[in-house]
C-alpha cells in the first residue's frame, strides 16, 4: 500500500512539474512576442492604406512593413452593430501573433459587449491563446486553428489589392 501511495505521489508531482514548465514556457513566449509586437507597432504609421469590400463590408487596411522582414497588417470594419478588427504580426513570412476583436457597439453608444482573442504562434504551431469577453471562444465547436486559415485568406486578398 505504501508503494502504491508513493508511486501516485511521484506521478502527480512529475505531472505537476511538466504542466508548470509548459505554462512557464508559454508565458515566456507570450511576453517576448508582446514586447516585440509593441516595439514594432510603435514604429508604424497609423493610417489607412487601402479600403476593400472582399467580405461584404468596407474594410480598412493598414500594412506596416518594417526592418528585419517584419510586417503588421491591421484590418478594421464595422457592420450592423459590430466593430471588427484583425491584427497579424509576421516575421520572415511566418505568422507569430494575431488578434481578433469583435465588439458589439451600436451607433451613438459606447461598446456594449467586447470580445477579443490573441493567438501566439511558434514554428507555425499555435502554442497559446488568450481570450477576453464573451464570443467565439465560448462555443465548443470553435477551433482556434482557424486563425491560420483567416491569415492565409487575408494574404490572398492583399495580393488582389491594386497598387
C-alpha atoms as a PDB file:
ATOM      1  CA  UNK A   1       0.000   0.000   0.000  1.00  0.00           C
ATOM      2  CA  UNK A   2       2.862   2.370   0.853  1.00  0.00           C
ATOM      3  CA  UNK A   3       4.472   1.646  -2.529  1.00  0.00           C
ATOM      4  CA  UNK A   4       1.252   2.448  -4.400  1.00  0.00           C
ATOM      5  CA  UNK A   5       0.830   5.694  -2.469  1.00  0.00           C
ATOM      6  CA  UNK A   6       4.468   6.622  -3.129  1.00  0.00           C
ATOM      7  CA  UNK A   7       4.077   5.930  -6.865  1.00  0.00           C
ATOM      8  CA  UNK A   8       0.889   8.037  -7.024  1.00  0.00           C
ATOM      9  CA  UNK A   9       2.543  10.947  -5.230  1.00  0.00           C
ATOM     10  CA  UNK A  10       5.611  10.783  -7.504  1.00  0.00           C
ATOM     11  CA  UNK A  11       3.456  10.596 -10.652  1.00  0.00           C
ATOM     12  CA  UNK A  12       1.355  13.564  -9.568  1.00  0.00           C
ATOM     13  CA  UNK A  13       4.496  15.539  -8.713  1.00  0.00           C
ATOM     14  CA  UNK A  14       6.103  14.865 -12.097  1.00  0.00           C
ATOM     15  CA  UNK A  15       2.919  15.751 -13.986  1.00  0.00           C
ATOM     16  CA  UNK A  16       2.559  18.969 -11.990  1.00  0.00           C
ATOM     17  CA  UNK A  17       6.144  19.969 -12.803  1.00  0.00           C
ATOM     18  CA  UNK A  18       5.610  19.313 -16.513  1.00  0.00           C
ATOM     19  CA  UNK A  19       2.407  21.366 -16.554  1.00  0.00           C
ATOM     20  CA  UNK A  20       4.124  24.204 -14.731  1.00  0.00           C
ATOM     21  CA  UNK A  21       7.076  24.085 -17.145  1.00  0.00           C
ATOM     22  CA  UNK A  22       4.678  24.255 -20.128  1.00  0.00           C
ATOM     23  CA  UNK A  23       2.860  27.263 -18.603  1.00  0.00           C
ATOM     24  CA  UNK A  24       6.172  28.971 -17.918  1.00  0.00           C
ATOM     25  CA  UNK A  25       7.319  28.335 -21.499  1.00  0.00           C
ATOM     26  CA  UNK A  26       4.054  29.739 -22.908  1.00  0.00           C
ATOM     27  CA  UNK A  27       4.277  32.780 -20.615  1.00  0.00           C
ATOM     28  CA  UNK A  28       7.865  33.440 -21.716  1.00  0.00           C
ATOM     29  CA  UNK A  29       6.947  33.198 -25.405  1.00  0.00           C
ATOM     30  CA  UNK A  30       3.877  35.441 -24.945  1.00  0.00           C
ATOM     31  CA  UNK A  31       5.967  38.014 -23.086  1.00  0.00           C
ATOM     32  CA  UNK A  32       8.664  38.025 -25.787  1.00  0.00           C
ATOM     33  CA  UNK A  33       6.156  38.290 -28.640  1.00  0.00           C
ATOM     34  CA  UNK A  34       4.183  41.034 -26.864  1.00  0.00           C
ATOM     35  CA  UNK A  35       7.358  43.084 -26.298  1.00  0.00           C
ATOM     36  CA  UNK A  36       8.473  42.705 -29.905  1.00  0.00           C
ATOM     37  CA  UNK A  37       4.974  43.480 -31.208  1.00  0.00           C
ATOM     38  CA  UNK A  38       4.644  46.598 -29.030  1.00  0.00           C
ATOM     39  CA  UNK A  39       8.034  47.851 -30.196  1.00  0.00           C
ATOM     40  CA  UNK A  40       7.152  47.159 -33.833  1.00  0.00           C
ATOM     41  CA  UNK A  41       3.739  48.841 -33.585  1.00  0.00           C
ATOM     42  CA  UNK A  42       5.408  51.969 -32.228  1.00  0.00           C
ATOM     43  CA  UNK A  43       7.431  52.143 -35.466  1.00  0.00           C
ATOM     44  CA  UNK A  44       4.329  52.005 -37.695  1.00  0.00           C
ATOM     45  CA  UNK A  45       2.492  54.971 -39.097  1.00  0.00           C
ATOM     46  CA  UNK A  46      -1.204  54.925 -38.360  1.00  0.00           C
ATOM     47  CA  UNK A  47      -3.426  55.411 -41.341  1.00  0.00           C
ATOM     48  CA  UNK A  48      -5.395  53.591 -43.956  1.00  0.00           C
ATOM     49  CA  UNK A  49      -3.517  52.112 -46.892  1.00  0.00           C
ATOM     50  CA  UNK A  50      -6.489  50.520 -48.631  1.00  0.00           C
ATOM     51  CA  UNK A  51     -10.252  50.088 -48.435  1.00  0.00           C
ATOM     52  CA  UNK A  52     -11.716  46.795 -49.643  1.00  0.00           C
ATOM     53  CA  UNK A  53     -15.078  45.067 -49.754  1.00  0.00           C
ATOM     54  CA  UNK A  54     -13.913  41.459 -50.043  1.00  0.00           C
ATOM     55  CA  UNK A  55     -16.181  40.242 -47.233  1.00  0.00           C
ATOM     56  CA  UNK A  56     -19.362  42.159 -47.981  1.00  0.00           C
ATOM     57  CA  UNK A  57     -18.398  45.149 -45.857  1.00  0.00           C
ATOM     58  CA  UNK A  58     -15.962  48.012 -46.150  1.00  0.00           C
ATOM     59  CA  UNK A  59     -12.655  47.018 -44.593  1.00  0.00           C
ATOM     60  CA  UNK A  60      -9.861  49.434 -43.804  1.00  0.00           C
ATOM     61  CA  UNK A  61      -6.352  48.009 -44.171  1.00  0.00           C
ATOM     62  CA  UNK A  62      -3.106  49.284 -42.699  1.00  0.00           C
ATOM     63  CA  UNK A  63       0.003  47.456 -43.844  1.00  0.00           C
ATOM     64  CA  UNK A  64       3.212  48.260 -41.996  1.00  0.00           C
ATOM     65  CA  UNK A  65       6.400  46.769 -43.438  1.00  0.00           C
ATOM     66  CA  UNK A  66       9.297  47.011 -41.005  1.00  0.00           C
ATOM     67  CA  UNK A  67      13.010  46.254 -40.930  1.00  0.00           C
ATOM     68  CA  UNK A  68      14.204  42.691 -40.393  1.00  0.00           C
ATOM     69  CA  UNK A  69      11.432  41.304 -42.617  1.00  0.00           C
ATOM     70  CA  UNK A  70       8.604  42.078 -40.161  1.00  0.00           C
ATOM     71  CA  UNK A  71       5.091  43.124 -41.094  1.00  0.00           C
ATOM     72  CA  UNK A  72       1.963  44.158 -39.221  1.00  0.00           C
ATOM     73  CA  UNK A  73      -1.379  44.002 -41.005  1.00  0.00           C
ATOM     74  CA  UNK A  74      -4.379  45.631 -39.331  1.00  0.00           C
ATOM     75  CA  UNK A  75      -7.879  45.310 -40.810  1.00  0.00           C
ATOM     76  CA  UNK A  76     -10.858  47.142 -39.289  1.00  0.00           C
ATOM     77  CA  UNK A  77     -14.518  47.262 -40.257  1.00  0.00           C
ATOM     78  CA  UNK A  78     -17.983  47.949 -38.917  1.00  0.00           C
ATOM     79  CA  UNK A  79     -21.116  46.082 -39.979  1.00  0.00           C
ATOM     80  CA  UNK A  80     -24.522  46.030 -38.349  1.00  0.00           C
ATOM     81  CA  UNK A  81     -23.749  46.911 -34.765  1.00  0.00           C
ATOM     82  CA  UNK A  82     -20.376  45.201 -34.604  1.00  0.00           C
ATOM     83  CA  UNK A  83     -16.855  46.581 -34.867  1.00  0.00           C
ATOM     84  CA  UNK A  84     -14.305  44.089 -36.174  1.00  0.00           C
ATOM     85  CA  UNK A  85     -10.527  44.184 -36.038  1.00  0.00           C
ATOM     86  CA  UNK A  86      -7.872  41.696 -37.125  1.00  0.00           C
ATOM     87  CA  UNK A  87      -4.170  42.151 -36.466  1.00  0.00           C
ATOM     88  CA  UNK A  88      -1.448  39.917 -37.881  1.00  0.00           C
ATOM     89  CA  UNK A  89       2.218  40.177 -36.852  1.00  0.00           C
ATOM     90  CA  UNK A  90       4.536  38.385 -39.250  1.00  0.00           C
ATOM     91  CA  UNK A  91       8.280  37.721 -39.035  1.00  0.00           C
ATOM     92  CA  UNK A  92      10.178  36.386 -42.033  1.00  0.00           C
ATOM     93  CA  UNK A  93       6.926  35.359 -43.683  1.00  0.00           C
ATOM     94  CA  UNK A  94       5.640  33.403 -40.670  1.00  0.00           C
ATOM     95  CA  UNK A  95       2.705  34.410 -38.512  1.00  0.00           C
ATOM     96  CA  UNK A  96       3.826  34.812 -34.879  1.00  0.00           C
ATOM     97  CA  UNK A  97       0.915  36.743 -33.361  1.00  0.00           C
ATOM     98  CA  UNK A  98      -2.667  37.508 -34.288  1.00  0.00           C
ATOM     99  CA  UNK A  99      -5.507  39.268 -32.550  1.00  0.00           C
ATOM    100  CA  UNK A 100      -9.161  39.114 -33.468  1.00  0.00           C
ATOM    101  CA  UNK A 101     -11.662  41.550 -31.963  1.00  0.00           C
ATOM    102  CA  UNK A 102     -15.460  41.730 -32.212  1.00  0.00           C
ATOM    103  CA  UNK A 103     -17.181  44.443 -30.196  1.00  0.00           C
ATOM    104  CA  UNK A 104     -20.923  44.947 -30.103  1.00  0.00           C
ATOM    105  CA  UNK A 105     -21.075  48.697 -30.453  1.00  0.00           C
ATOM    106  CA  UNK A 106     -24.335  50.217 -31.711  1.00  0.00           C
ATOM    107  CA  UNK A 107     -24.038  53.624 -33.327  1.00  0.00           C
ATOM    108  CA  UNK A 108     -24.023  56.501 -30.845  1.00  0.00           C
ATOM    109  CA  UNK A 109     -23.168  54.127 -27.976  1.00  0.00           C
ATOM    110  CA  UNK A 110     -20.033  53.030 -26.235  1.00  0.00           C
ATOM    111  CA  UNK A 111     -19.047  49.372 -26.502  1.00  0.00           C
ATOM    112  CA  UNK A 112     -21.818  47.210 -25.054  1.00  0.00           C
ATOM    113  CA  UNK A 113     -20.102  43.839 -25.243  1.00  0.00           C
ATOM    114  CA  UNK A 114     -16.455  43.146 -26.078  1.00  0.00           C
ATOM    115  CA  UNK A 115     -14.586  40.046 -27.184  1.00  0.00           C
ATOM    116  CA  UNK A 116     -11.046  39.513 -28.368  1.00  0.00           C
ATOM    117  CA  UNK A 117      -8.637  36.658 -28.704  1.00  0.00           C
ATOM    118  CA  UNK A 118      -4.863  36.795 -29.016  1.00  0.00           C
ATOM    119  CA  UNK A 119      -3.077  33.935 -30.757  1.00  0.00           C
ATOM    120  CA  UNK A 120       0.598  33.135 -30.173  1.00  0.00           C
ATOM    121  CA  UNK A 121       2.419  31.055 -32.757  1.00  0.00           C
ATOM    122  CA  UNK A 122       5.845  29.441 -32.762  1.00  0.00           C
ATOM    123  CA  UNK A 123       7.211  27.455 -35.693  1.00  0.00           C
ATOM    124  CA  UNK A 124       3.819  27.602 -37.464  1.00  0.00           C
ATOM    125  CA  UNK A 125       2.105  25.991 -34.479  1.00  0.00           C
ATOM    126  CA  UNK A 126      -0.444  27.638 -32.205  1.00  0.00           C
ATOM    127  CA  UNK A 127       1.115  27.495 -28.759  1.00  0.00           C
ATOM    128  CA  UNK A 128      -1.175  29.709 -26.707  1.00  0.00           C
ATOM    129  CA  UNK A 129      -4.214  31.912 -26.865  1.00  0.00           C
ATOM    130  CA  UNK A 130      -5.707  34.487 -24.547  1.00  0.00           C
ATOM    131  CA  UNK A 131      -9.384  35.376 -24.806  1.00  0.00           C
ATOM    132  CA  UNK A 132     -11.303  38.128 -23.066  1.00  0.00           C
ATOM    133  CA  UNK A 133     -15.038  38.750 -23.060  1.00  0.00           C
ATOM    134  CA  UNK A 134     -17.931  36.777 -24.482  1.00  0.00           C
ATOM    135  CA  UNK A 135     -17.586  35.493 -28.018  1.00  0.00           C
ATOM    136  CA  UNK A 136     -16.404  32.704 -30.274  1.00  0.00           C
ATOM    137  CA  UNK A 137     -14.141  31.074 -27.675  1.00  0.00           C
ATOM    138  CA  UNK A 138     -17.190  30.069 -25.633  1.00  0.00           C
ATOM    139  CA  UNK A 139     -18.513  27.887 -28.456  1.00  0.00           C
ATOM    140  CA  UNK A 140     -17.476  24.245 -28.005  1.00  0.00           C
ATOM    141  CA  UNK A 141     -17.319  23.839 -31.800  1.00  0.00           C
ATOM    142  CA  UNK A 142     -14.916  26.770 -32.289  1.00  0.00           C
ATOM    143  CA  UNK A 143     -11.464  25.770 -33.476  1.00  0.00           C
ATOM    144  CA  UNK A 144      -8.667  28.262 -32.685  1.00  0.00           C
ATOM    145  CA  UNK A 145      -6.608  26.854 -35.573  1.00  0.00           C
ATOM    146  CA  UNK A 146      -8.969  28.832 -37.847  1.00  0.00           C
ATOM    147  CA  UNK A 147      -6.623  31.793 -37.357  1.00  0.00           C
ATOM    148  CA  UNK A 148      -4.206  30.207 -39.854  1.00  0.00           C
ATOM    149  CA  UNK A 149      -6.935  29.985 -42.497  1.00  0.00           C
ATOM    150  CA  UNK A 150      -8.023  33.567 -41.765  1.00  0.00           C
ATOM    151  CA  UNK A 151      -4.446  34.773 -42.223  1.00  0.00           C
ATOM    152  CA  UNK A 152      -4.000  32.783 -45.438  1.00  0.00           C
ATOM    153  CA  UNK A 153      -7.229  34.278 -46.836  1.00  0.00           C
ATOM    154  CA  UNK A 154      -6.097  37.788 -45.897  1.00  0.00           C
ATOM    155  CA  UNK A 155      -2.771  37.332 -47.680  1.00  0.00           C
ATOM    156  CA  UNK A 156      -4.664  36.160 -50.787  1.00  0.00           C
ATOM    157  CA  UNK A 157      -6.873  39.255 -50.547  1.00  0.00           C
ATOM    158  CA  UNK A 158      -3.861  41.519 -50.007  1.00  0.00           C
ATOM    159  CA  UNK A 159      -2.391  40.273 -53.288  1.00  0.00           C
ATOM    160  CA  UNK A 160      -5.632  41.305 -55.052  1.00  0.00           C
ATOM    161  CA  UNK A 161      -5.429  44.910 -53.872  1.00  0.00           C
ATOM    162  CA  UNK A 162      -4.356  47.032 -56.817  1.00  0.00           C
ATOM    163  CA  UNK A 163      -1.277  49.172 -56.473  1.00  0.00           C
END
